[in-house]
Structure formats: C-alpha cells, structure tokens
C-alpha atoms as a PDB file:
ATOM      1  CA  UNK A   1      10.139 -27.926   7.181  1.00  0.00           C
ATOM      2  CA  UNK A   2       6.229 -26.927   8.800  1.00  0.00           C
ATOM      3  CA  UNK A   3       5.392 -23.071   9.316  1.00  0.00           C
ATOM      4  CA  UNK A   4       4.371 -21.766  12.936  1.00  0.00           C
ATOM      5  CA  UNK A   5       3.228 -19.347  13.924  1.00  0.00           C
ATOM      6  CA  UNK A   6       6.052 -18.843  16.311  1.00  0.00           C
ATOM      7  CA  UNK A   7       8.236 -18.646  12.862  1.00  0.00           C
ATOM      8  CA  UNK A   8       5.867 -16.068  11.720  1.00  0.00           C
ATOM      9  CA  UNK A   9       5.731 -13.964  14.805  1.00  0.00           C
ATOM     10  CA  UNK A  10       7.618 -11.770  16.455  1.00  0.00           C
ATOM     11  CA  UNK A  11       7.280 -10.383  20.118  1.00  0.00           C
ATOM     12  CA  UNK A  12       6.157  -7.108  21.485  1.00  0.00           C
ATOM     13  CA  UNK A  13       9.149  -4.493  22.138  1.00  0.00           C
ATOM     14  CA  UNK A  14      10.566  -4.872  25.274  1.00  0.00           C
ATOM     15  CA  UNK A  15      11.769  -1.103  25.816  1.00  0.00           C
ATOM     16  CA  UNK A  16      10.826   2.708  24.689  1.00  0.00           C
ATOM     17  CA  UNK A  17      14.487   1.600  22.606  1.00  0.00           C
ATOM     18  CA  UNK A  18      13.787  -2.084  21.504  1.00  0.00           C
ATOM     19  CA  UNK A  19      10.483   0.037  20.109  1.00  0.00           C
ATOM     20  CA  UNK A  20      12.186   2.217  18.484  1.00  0.00           C
ATOM     21  CA  UNK A  21      15.242   0.100  16.806  1.00  0.00           C
ATOM     22  CA  UNK A  22      12.740  -2.810  15.793  1.00  0.00           C
ATOM     23  CA  UNK A  23      10.134  -0.878  14.055  1.00  0.00           C
ATOM     24  CA  UNK A  24      11.140  -1.160  10.295  1.00  0.00           C
ATOM     25  CA  UNK A  25       8.779  -1.015   7.212  1.00  0.00           C
ATOM     26  CA  UNK A  26       6.884  -4.288   7.374  1.00  0.00           C
ATOM     27  CA  UNK A  27       5.232  -4.836   3.687  1.00  0.00           C
ATOM     28  CA  UNK A  28       3.716  -8.576   4.570  1.00  0.00           C
ATOM     29  CA  UNK A  29       1.300  -9.384   7.274  1.00  0.00           C
ATOM     30  CA  UNK A  30      -0.602 -12.156   8.354  1.00  0.00           C
ATOM     31  CA  UNK A  31      -4.315 -12.722   8.202  1.00  0.00           C
ATOM     32  CA  UNK A  32      -4.418 -12.273  12.157  1.00  0.00           C
ATOM     33  CA  UNK A  33      -7.245  -9.437  13.330  1.00  0.00           C
ATOM     34  CA  UNK A  34      -5.991  -6.461  15.754  1.00  0.00           C
ATOM     35  CA  UNK A  35      -8.615  -5.778  18.286  1.00  0.00           C
ATOM     36  CA  UNK A  36     -10.165  -2.866  18.678  1.00  0.00           C
ATOM     37  CA  UNK A  37      -9.400  -1.821  21.815  1.00  0.00           C
ATOM     38  CA  UNK A  38      -5.772  -2.152  20.909  1.00  0.00           C
ATOM     39  CA  UNK A  39      -5.969   0.292  17.752  1.00  0.00           C
ATOM     40  CA  UNK A  40      -7.645   2.983  20.342  1.00  0.00           C
ATOM     41  CA  UNK A  41      -4.734   2.403  23.038  1.00  0.00           C
ATOM     42  CA  UNK A  42      -2.034   2.518  20.171  1.00  0.00           C
ATOM     43  CA  UNK A  43      -3.805   6.117  18.936  1.00  0.00           C
ATOM     44  CA  UNK A  44      -4.349   6.805  22.619  1.00  0.00           C
ATOM     45  CA  UNK A  45      -1.072   7.224  23.653  1.00  0.00           C
ATOM     46  CA  UNK A  46      -0.031   8.607  20.168  1.00  0.00           C
ATOM     47  CA  UNK A  47      -2.167  11.969  21.147  1.00  0.00           C
ATOM     48  CA  UNK A  48       0.143  12.490  23.550  1.00  0.00           C
ATOM     49  CA  UNK A  49       2.790  13.695  21.095  1.00  0.00           C
ATOM     50  CA  UNK A  50       3.910  16.903  21.517  1.00  0.00           C
ATOM     51  CA  UNK A  51       2.767  20.301  18.847  1.00  0.00           C
ATOM     52  CA  UNK A  52       3.189  23.700  19.093  1.00  0.00           C
ATOM     53  CA  UNK A  53       0.852  24.638  21.491  1.00  0.00           C
ATOM     54  CA  UNK A  54      -1.142  22.013  21.602  1.00  0.00           C
ATOM     55  CA  UNK A  55      -2.706  22.384  18.555  1.00  0.00           C
ATOM     56  CA  UNK A  56      -2.575  18.291  18.076  1.00  0.00           C
ATOM     57  CA  UNK A  57      -3.184  18.985  14.193  1.00  0.00           C
ATOM     58  CA  UNK A  58      -3.567  15.309  13.421  1.00  0.00           C
ATOM     59  CA  UNK A  59      -7.011  13.554  12.185  1.00  0.00           C
ATOM     60  CA  UNK A  60      -6.804  10.079  12.030  1.00  0.00           C
ATOM     61  CA  UNK A  61      -9.783   7.475   9.326  1.00  0.00           C
ATOM     62  CA  UNK A  62      -9.223   4.067  10.770  1.00  0.00           C
ATOM     63  CA  UNK A  63     -10.514   1.820   7.881  1.00  0.00           C
ATOM     64  CA  UNK A  64     -11.181  -2.146   8.518  1.00  0.00           C
ATOM     65  CA  UNK A  65     -13.118  -5.021   7.527  1.00  0.00           C
ATOM     66  CA  UNK A  66     -15.543  -4.772   4.339  1.00  0.00           C
ATOM     67  CA  UNK A  67     -14.906  -1.193   4.340  1.00  0.00           C
ATOM     68  CA  UNK A  68     -11.424  -1.454   3.987  1.00  0.00           C
ATOM     69  CA  UNK A  69     -11.540  -4.119   1.590  1.00  0.00           C
ATOM     70  CA  UNK A  70     -13.808  -1.855  -0.924  1.00  0.00           C
ATOM     71  CA  UNK A  71     -11.412   0.913  -0.813  1.00  0.00           C
ATOM     72  CA  UNK A  72      -8.369  -1.065  -1.377  1.00  0.00           C
ATOM     73  CA  UNK A  73     -10.069  -2.402  -4.412  1.00  0.00           C
ATOM     74  CA  UNK A  74     -11.239   0.555  -6.202  1.00  0.00           C
ATOM     75  CA  UNK A  75      -7.822   2.577  -5.400  1.00  0.00           C
ATOM     76  CA  UNK A  76      -6.376  -0.510  -7.001  1.00  0.00           C
ATOM     77  CA  UNK A  77      -8.151  -1.002  -9.822  1.00  0.00           C
ATOM     78  CA  UNK A  78      -7.469   2.818 -10.365  1.00  0.00           C
ATOM     79  CA  UNK A  79      -3.898   2.212 -10.165  1.00  0.00           C
ATOM     80  CA  UNK A  80      -4.394  -0.903 -12.022  1.00  0.00           C
ATOM     81  CA  UNK A  81      -6.323   0.875 -15.073  1.00  0.00           C
ATOM     82  CA  UNK A  82      -2.931   3.398 -15.338  1.00  0.00           C
ATOM     83  CA  UNK A  83      -5.086   6.087 -14.202  1.00  0.00           C
ATOM     84  CA  UNK A  84      -2.258   8.985 -13.340  1.00  0.00           C
ATOM     85  CA  UNK A  85      -2.694   9.845  -9.684  1.00  0.00           C
ATOM     86  CA  UNK A  86      -2.705  13.082  -8.781  1.00  0.00           C
ATOM     87  CA  UNK A  87       0.082  15.332  -6.126  1.00  0.00           C
ATOM     88  CA  UNK A  88      -1.329  17.700  -3.697  1.00  0.00           C
ATOM     89  CA  UNK A  89       2.132  17.995  -2.067  1.00  0.00           C
ATOM     90  CA  UNK A  90       6.067  17.531  -3.366  1.00  0.00           C
ATOM     91  CA  UNK A  91       6.816  14.274  -1.045  1.00  0.00           C
ATOM     92  CA  UNK A  92      10.593  13.858  -2.331  1.00  0.00           C
ATOM     93  CA  UNK A  93      12.915  16.802  -3.684  1.00  0.00           C
ATOM     94  CA  UNK A  94      12.669  18.348  -7.715  1.00  0.00           C
ATOM     95  CA  UNK A  95      16.196  17.593  -8.098  1.00  0.00           C
ATOM     96  CA  UNK A  96      17.804  14.484  -6.671  1.00  0.00           C
ATOM     97  CA  UNK A  97      21.870  14.917  -5.480  1.00  0.00           C
ATOM     98  CA  UNK A  98      24.121  12.502  -2.631  1.00  0.00           C
ATOM     99  CA  UNK A  99      24.233  11.761  -0.202  1.00  0.00           C
ATOM    100  CA  UNK A 100      20.049  11.133  -0.992  1.00  0.00           C
ATOM    101  CA  UNK A 101      20.110   9.731  -3.661  1.00  0.00           C
ATOM    102  CA  UNK A 102      22.510   6.849  -2.914  1.00  0.00           C
ATOM    103  CA  UNK A 103      21.025   6.190  -0.399  1.00  0.00           C
ATOM    104  CA  UNK A 104      17.447   6.166  -2.484  1.00  0.00           C
ATOM    105  CA  UNK A 105      18.598   3.635  -4.951  1.00  0.00           C
ATOM    106  CA  UNK A 106      20.369   1.263  -2.294  1.00  0.00           C
ATOM    107  CA  UNK A 107      16.642   1.240  -0.579  1.00  0.00           C
ATOM    108  CA  UNK A 108      15.617   0.188  -3.648  1.00  0.00           C
ATOM    109  CA  UNK A 109      17.811  -2.303  -4.692  1.00  0.00           C
ATOM    110  CA  UNK A 110      17.709  -3.836  -1.534  1.00  0.00           C
ATOM    111  CA  UNK A 111      13.846  -4.225  -1.474  1.00  0.00           C
ATOM    112  CA  UNK A 112      13.523  -5.485  -4.683  1.00  0.00           C
ATOM    113  CA  UNK A 113      16.211  -7.587  -4.183  1.00  0.00           C
ATOM    114  CA  UNK A 114      15.127  -9.736  -1.236  1.00  0.00           C
ATOM    115  CA  UNK A 115      11.721 -10.085  -3.652  1.00  0.00           C
ATOM    116  CA  UNK A 116      13.683 -11.408  -6.201  1.00  0.00           C
ATOM    117  CA  UNK A 117      12.844  -8.703  -8.586  1.00  0.00           C
ATOM    118  CA  UNK A 118      15.341  -7.762 -11.022  1.00  0.00           C
ATOM    119  CA  UNK A 119      16.644  -4.412 -12.029  1.00  0.00           C
ATOM    120  CA  UNK A 120      14.156  -3.231 -15.343  1.00  0.00           C
ATOM    121  CA  UNK A 121      11.261  -5.495 -14.847  1.00  0.00           C
ATOM    122  CA  UNK A 122       8.627  -3.684 -14.582  1.00  0.00           C
ATOM    123  CA  UNK A 123       6.231  -5.405 -14.500  1.00  0.00           C
ATOM    124  CA  UNK A 124       6.875  -7.014 -10.992  1.00  0.00           C
ATOM    125  CA  UNK A 125       8.080  -3.333  -9.903  1.00  0.00           C
ATOM    126  CA  UNK A 126       4.779  -2.309 -10.286  1.00  0.00           C
ATOM    127  CA  UNK A 127       3.116  -4.958  -9.248  1.00  0.00           C
ATOM    128  CA  UNK A 128       4.722  -4.534  -5.810  1.00  0.00           C
ATOM    129  CA  UNK A 129       3.933  -1.015  -6.081  1.00  0.00           C
ATOM    130  CA  UNK A 130       0.515  -1.598  -5.854  1.00  0.00           C
ATOM    131  CA  UNK A 131       0.388  -3.652  -2.751  1.00  0.00           C
ATOM    132  CA  UNK A 132       0.829  -0.468  -1.155  1.00  0.00           C
ATOM    133  CA  UNK A 133      -2.922   0.375  -1.686  1.00  0.00           C
ATOM    134  CA  UNK A 134      -3.932  -3.192   0.126  1.00  0.00           C
ATOM    135  CA  UNK A 135      -2.431  -1.842   3.011  1.00  0.00           C
ATOM    136  CA  UNK A 136       0.188  -5.167   2.507  1.00  0.00           C
ATOM    137  CA  UNK A 137      -2.774  -7.206   3.533  1.00  0.00           C
ATOM    138  CA  UNK A 138      -2.698  -5.451   6.928  1.00  0.00           C
ATOM    139  CA  UNK A 139      -5.880  -6.207   8.884  1.00  0.00           C
ATOM    140  CA  UNK A 140      -6.306  -2.562  10.018  1.00  0.00           C
ATOM    141  CA  UNK A 141      -5.202   1.112   7.916  1.00  0.00           C
ATOM    142  CA  UNK A 142      -4.874   4.182   8.598  1.00  0.00           C
ATOM    143  CA  UNK A 143      -5.301   7.465   6.821  1.00  0.00           C
ATOM    144  CA  UNK A 144      -4.326  10.608   8.079  1.00  0.00           C
ATOM    145  CA  UNK A 145      -5.028  14.199   7.058  1.00  0.00           C
ATOM    146  CA  UNK A 146      -4.383  17.964   8.041  1.00  0.00           C
ATOM    147  CA  UNK A 147      -6.505  21.574   7.929  1.00  0.00           C
ATOM    148  CA  UNK A 148      -5.269  22.916   4.296  1.00  0.00           C
ATOM    149  CA  UNK A 149      -4.780  26.186   6.521  1.00  0.00           C
ATOM    150  CA  UNK A 150      -1.797  24.495   8.918  1.00  0.00           C
ATOM    151  CA  UNK A 151       1.585  25.590   8.299  1.00  0.00           C
ATOM    152  CA  UNK A 152       4.663  23.602   7.782  1.00  0.00           C
ATOM    153  CA  UNK A 153       5.114  23.539  12.058  1.00  0.00           C
ATOM    154  CA  UNK A 154       1.615  20.922  12.190  1.00  0.00           C
ATOM    155  CA  UNK A 155       3.913  18.958   9.384  1.00  0.00           C
ATOM    156  CA  UNK A 156       6.517  19.159  11.585  1.00  0.00           C
ATOM    157  CA  UNK A 157       4.291  18.276  14.585  1.00  0.00           C
ATOM    158  CA  UNK A 158       2.717  15.373  12.909  1.00  0.00           C
ATOM    159  CA  UNK A 159       5.636  13.164  12.045  1.00  0.00           C
ATOM    160  CA  UNK A 160       6.268  12.854  15.847  1.00  0.00           C
ATOM    161  CA  UNK A 161       2.569  11.427  16.125  1.00  0.00           C
ATOM    162  CA  UNK A 162       3.397   9.050  13.162  1.00  0.00           C
ATOM    163  CA  UNK A 163       6.524   8.237  14.950  1.00  0.00           C
ATOM    164  CA  UNK A 164       4.289   7.915  18.242  1.00  0.00           C
ATOM    165  CA  UNK A 165       1.905   5.677  16.634  1.00  0.00           C
ATOM    166  CA  UNK A 166       4.545   2.989  14.929  1.00  0.00           C
ATOM    167  CA  UNK A 167       6.347   3.143  17.987  1.00  0.00           C
ATOM    168  CA  UNK A 168       2.944   2.474  20.437  1.00  0.00           C
ATOM    169  CA  UNK A 169       2.426  -0.505  18.153  1.00  0.00           C
ATOM    170  CA  UNK A 170       5.303  -2.415  18.722  1.00  0.00           C
ATOM    171  CA  UNK A 171       4.501  -2.736  22.370  1.00  0.00           C
ATOM    172  CA  UNK A 172       1.355  -4.501  21.383  1.00  0.00           C
ATOM    173  CA  UNK A 173       3.975  -6.723  18.900  1.00  0.00           C
ATOM    174  CA  UNK A 174       2.509  -4.933  16.125  1.00  0.00           C
ATOM    175  CA  UNK A 175       3.946  -3.632  13.271  1.00  0.00           C
ATOM    176  CA  UNK A 176       3.675  -0.561  10.553  1.00  0.00           C
ATOM    177  CA  UNK A 177       4.509   0.855   7.417  1.00  0.00           C
ATOM    178  CA  UNK A 178       3.901   4.249   6.562  1.00  0.00           C
ATOM    179  CA  UNK A 179       2.446   5.156   2.578  1.00  0.00           C
ATOM    180  CA  UNK A 180       2.676   8.475   1.154  1.00  0.00           C
ATOM    181  CA  UNK A 181       1.611   6.337  -2.176  1.00  0.00           C
ATOM    182  CA  UNK A 182      -2.330   6.666  -0.160  1.00  0.00           C
ATOM    183  CA  UNK A 183      -1.630  10.558  -0.737  1.00  0.00           C
ATOM    184  CA  UNK A 184      -1.911  10.132  -4.479  1.00  0.00           C
ATOM    185  CA  UNK A 185      -5.391   9.144  -4.702  1.00  0.00           C
ATOM    186  CA  UNK A 186      -7.266  11.432  -2.360  1.00  0.00           C
ATOM    187  CA  UNK A 187      -9.911  12.217  -4.464  1.00  0.00           C
ATOM    188  CA  UNK A 188     -11.116   8.028  -3.835  1.00  0.00           C
ATOM    189  CA  UNK A 189     -10.196   8.489  -0.124  1.00  0.00           C
ATOM    190  CA  UNK A 190     -11.932  12.177   0.207  1.00  0.00           C
ATOM    191  CA  UNK A 191     -15.141  10.405  -1.991  1.00  0.00           C
ATOM    192  CA  UNK A 192     -14.498   7.008   0.100  1.00  0.00           C
ATOM    193  CA  UNK A 193     -14.197   8.346   3.374  1.00  0.00           C
ATOM    194  CA  UNK A 194     -16.468  11.620   3.645  1.00  0.00           C
ATOM    195  CA  UNK A 195     -13.380  13.787   4.248  1.00  0.00           C
ATOM    196  CA  UNK A 196     -14.125  17.158   4.101  1.00  0.00           C
ATOM    197  CA  UNK A 197     -12.323  19.419   1.306  1.00  0.00           C
ATOM    198  CA  UNK A 198     -10.686  21.416   3.304  1.00  0.00           C
ATOM    199  CA  UNK A 199      -8.541  18.480   4.980  1.00  0.00           C
ATOM    200  CA  UNK A 200      -5.626  17.223   3.214  1.00  0.00           C
ATOM    201  CA  UNK A 201      -4.684  13.819   3.207  1.00  0.00           C
ATOM    202  CA  UNK A 202      -0.692  13.173   3.782  1.00  0.00           C
ATOM    203  CA  UNK A 203      -0.334   9.622   4.059  1.00  0.00           C
ATOM    204  CA  UNK A 204      -1.568   5.952   5.051  1.00  0.00           C
ATOM    205  CA  UNK A 205      -0.316   3.571   7.056  1.00  0.00           C
ATOM    206  CA  UNK A 206      -0.796  -0.032   7.458  1.00  0.00           C
ATOM    207  CA  UNK A 207      -1.119  -1.850  11.218  1.00  0.00           C
ATOM    208  CA  UNK A 208      -0.960  -5.608  11.790  1.00  0.00           C
ATOM    209  CA  UNK A 209       1.201  -8.241  13.139  1.00  0.00           C
ATOM    210  CA  UNK A 210       4.384  -9.152  10.339  1.00  0.00           C
ATOM    211  CA  UNK A 211       4.566 -12.056   8.483  1.00  0.00           C
ATOM    212  CA  UNK A 212       8.549 -12.709   9.521  1.00  0.00           C
ATOM    213  CA  UNK A 213       8.362 -15.712   6.573  1.00  0.00           C
ATOM    214  CA  UNK A 214       7.943 -12.983   4.315  1.00  0.00           C
ATOM    215  CA  UNK A 215      11.682 -11.860   2.484  1.00  0.00           C
ATOM    216  CA  UNK A 216      10.743  -8.276   2.175  1.00  0.00           C
ATOM    217  CA  UNK A 217      10.266  -8.226   5.658  1.00  0.00           C
ATOM    218  CA  UNK A 218      13.657  -9.480   6.546  1.00  0.00           C
ATOM    219  CA  UNK A 219      15.424  -7.169   4.724  1.00  0.00           C
ATOM    220  CA  UNK A 220      16.652  -3.471   6.806  1.00  0.00           C
ATOM    221  CA  UNK A 221      17.772  -0.499   5.626  1.00  0.00           C
ATOM    222  CA  UNK A 222      21.385   0.393   7.023  1.00  0.00           C
ATOM    223  CA  UNK A 223      21.607   3.747   8.723  1.00  0.00           C
ATOM    224  CA  UNK A 224      24.099   6.245   9.038  1.00  0.00           C
ATOM    225  CA  UNK A 225      26.626   5.776  11.823  1.00  0.00           C
ATOM    226  CA  UNK A 226      25.975   8.263  14.520  1.00  0.00           C
ATOM    227  CA  UNK A 227      29.555  10.530  13.635  1.00  0.00           C
ATOM    228  CA  UNK A 228      28.004  11.143  10.362  1.00  0.00           C
ATOM    229  CA  UNK A 229      24.921  12.740  11.926  1.00  0.00           C
ATOM    230  CA  UNK A 230      25.691  13.837  14.537  1.00  0.00           C
ATOM    231  CA  UNK A 231      27.983  17.059  15.999  1.00  0.00           C
ATOM    232  CA  UNK A 232      29.136  17.442  19.685  1.00  0.00           C
ATOM    233  CA  UNK A 233      29.252  20.706  20.258  1.00  0.00           C
ATOM    234  CA  UNK A 234      30.948  21.309  23.415  1.00  0.00           C
ATOM    235  CA  UNK A 235      34.163  18.639  21.224  1.00  0.00           C
ATOM    236  CA  UNK A 236      33.687  21.398  18.494  1.00  0.00           C
ATOM    237  CA  UNK A 237      33.978  24.944  20.711  1.00  0.00           C
ATOM    238  CA  UNK A 238      37.192  23.448  22.722  1.00  0.00           C
ATOM    239  CA  UNK A 239      39.543  23.239  19.338  1.00  0.00           C
ATOM    240  CA  UNK A 240      38.059  26.729  18.081  1.00  0.00           C
ATOM    241  CA  UNK A 241      39.057  27.777  21.398  1.00  0.00           C
ATOM    242  CA  UNK A 242      42.025  26.180  21.553  1.00  0.00           C
ATOM    243  CA  UNK A 243      45.362  28.180  20.509  1.00  0.00           C
END
C-alpha cells in the first residue's frame, strides 16, 4: 500500500482541550520544514505563560539547518563513544517506589514493545536512546536554559512555559517531544551555542511534523483516572461534618 501525505500527517488541534489531549511525545518526524514565522508565533504565544511576579525565567535557543546537524553530530558522537554524560541537576528520584516505578516501567515496556525492541536488547535500546540527540529527526530543535541563581519557583514557572509551547504547536499541526537527555551534554551545548556559563541547560525539545506511520508515534501512555488524582474537598468536608 502506498503511504500518502494524509497517512503520515495529522491535522492541527481544533480547540485548547483538543490540543492538550492530543499532545504526546512524538519520537519520529517527517523531513518537512517548519516555517520560521510559525516557530516565532509558537514561542511568542508561549511567552504569555504565567510566572511569579512576571519574572519570565525562560531562555530558548532555536537550532535548525546546518547548525542543528552539526550540534547533533557532535553530541551523538560523544554518546556513541561512551563518554559519560554529566548531570547538573537531579531529574529523577534517587530511589524509585510505586506507583512511580510501575508507571515508568510500563512506559518503557510499551514504547520499546511498539518498536519491536525486546527486553535485554541493550544494543537496540541504546540506539533508540541515541535518537534523542538527533531530535528524532525533527527539523527544529529547541534548547532551554535558566539562570543558575533562580530558585525552584522559577522552575515551576518554566514547566508552564514548556507546556505552552507544546500546546501552541498543536494548533499549527505540529508535534513535540521534550528531551531532558540534552541537558546531560551541557558542555557541548554551552560551547556550540555560546550559552553563558551563568545559565543552566534544562532540556531540549524536538519540534516538527510527526510521522504517523512510525510505530513509536502510535503508542500512547496511559493516565490515571480522575478519581485517583483529584480530591473534591467540598465532598470530603461534607463527610467530616456529618454526625
């Protein structure tokens, strides 16, 4: 069967809720360019994200074309050479426990299962992880930094900025994948992108048109039911007050 553009592409989100629900981490992209004015529109819209006392702690470096290719080549070379990445901040807990451990394992098994990578296949697992450093072939890569002297509240603000980018992208029919993996090679990023040393690399993000024929993009993670994450306090207060 011939694969058509319609098979590979998915349309833009129709509403804000649709954008939120259809957002997912896409790990395969089409070789289709993203217009510069679209990237600018997305970032400008996301810059309206809230931040404490309007501090706006976000800074973003946009890479595309030859600059993107050279950056990816150097980081991927370091990764393939087995050079141990550095960690400037802890993304995950030092000790895992349920329910977080179970969710993490389910995500890994589901993604690698969709790709046909069997448990214990270290070579293919490493190869797939390495695709992070090509932005999963997305034409646009974003690198995010934050001033080192800012505190945890600014990191909270930053999350809202990142989510705003991912949601705004869906209006243009684009998809994204936030990638903390890039932060591990911050030395290369500082040098290549002339990032000042008083800025810490938070993460990267792939932006492009998702290839919907790719099996990894057809895999979707589960979410806990609302009853597991939300407590409607007025109902609880009513039960406590009853006698």
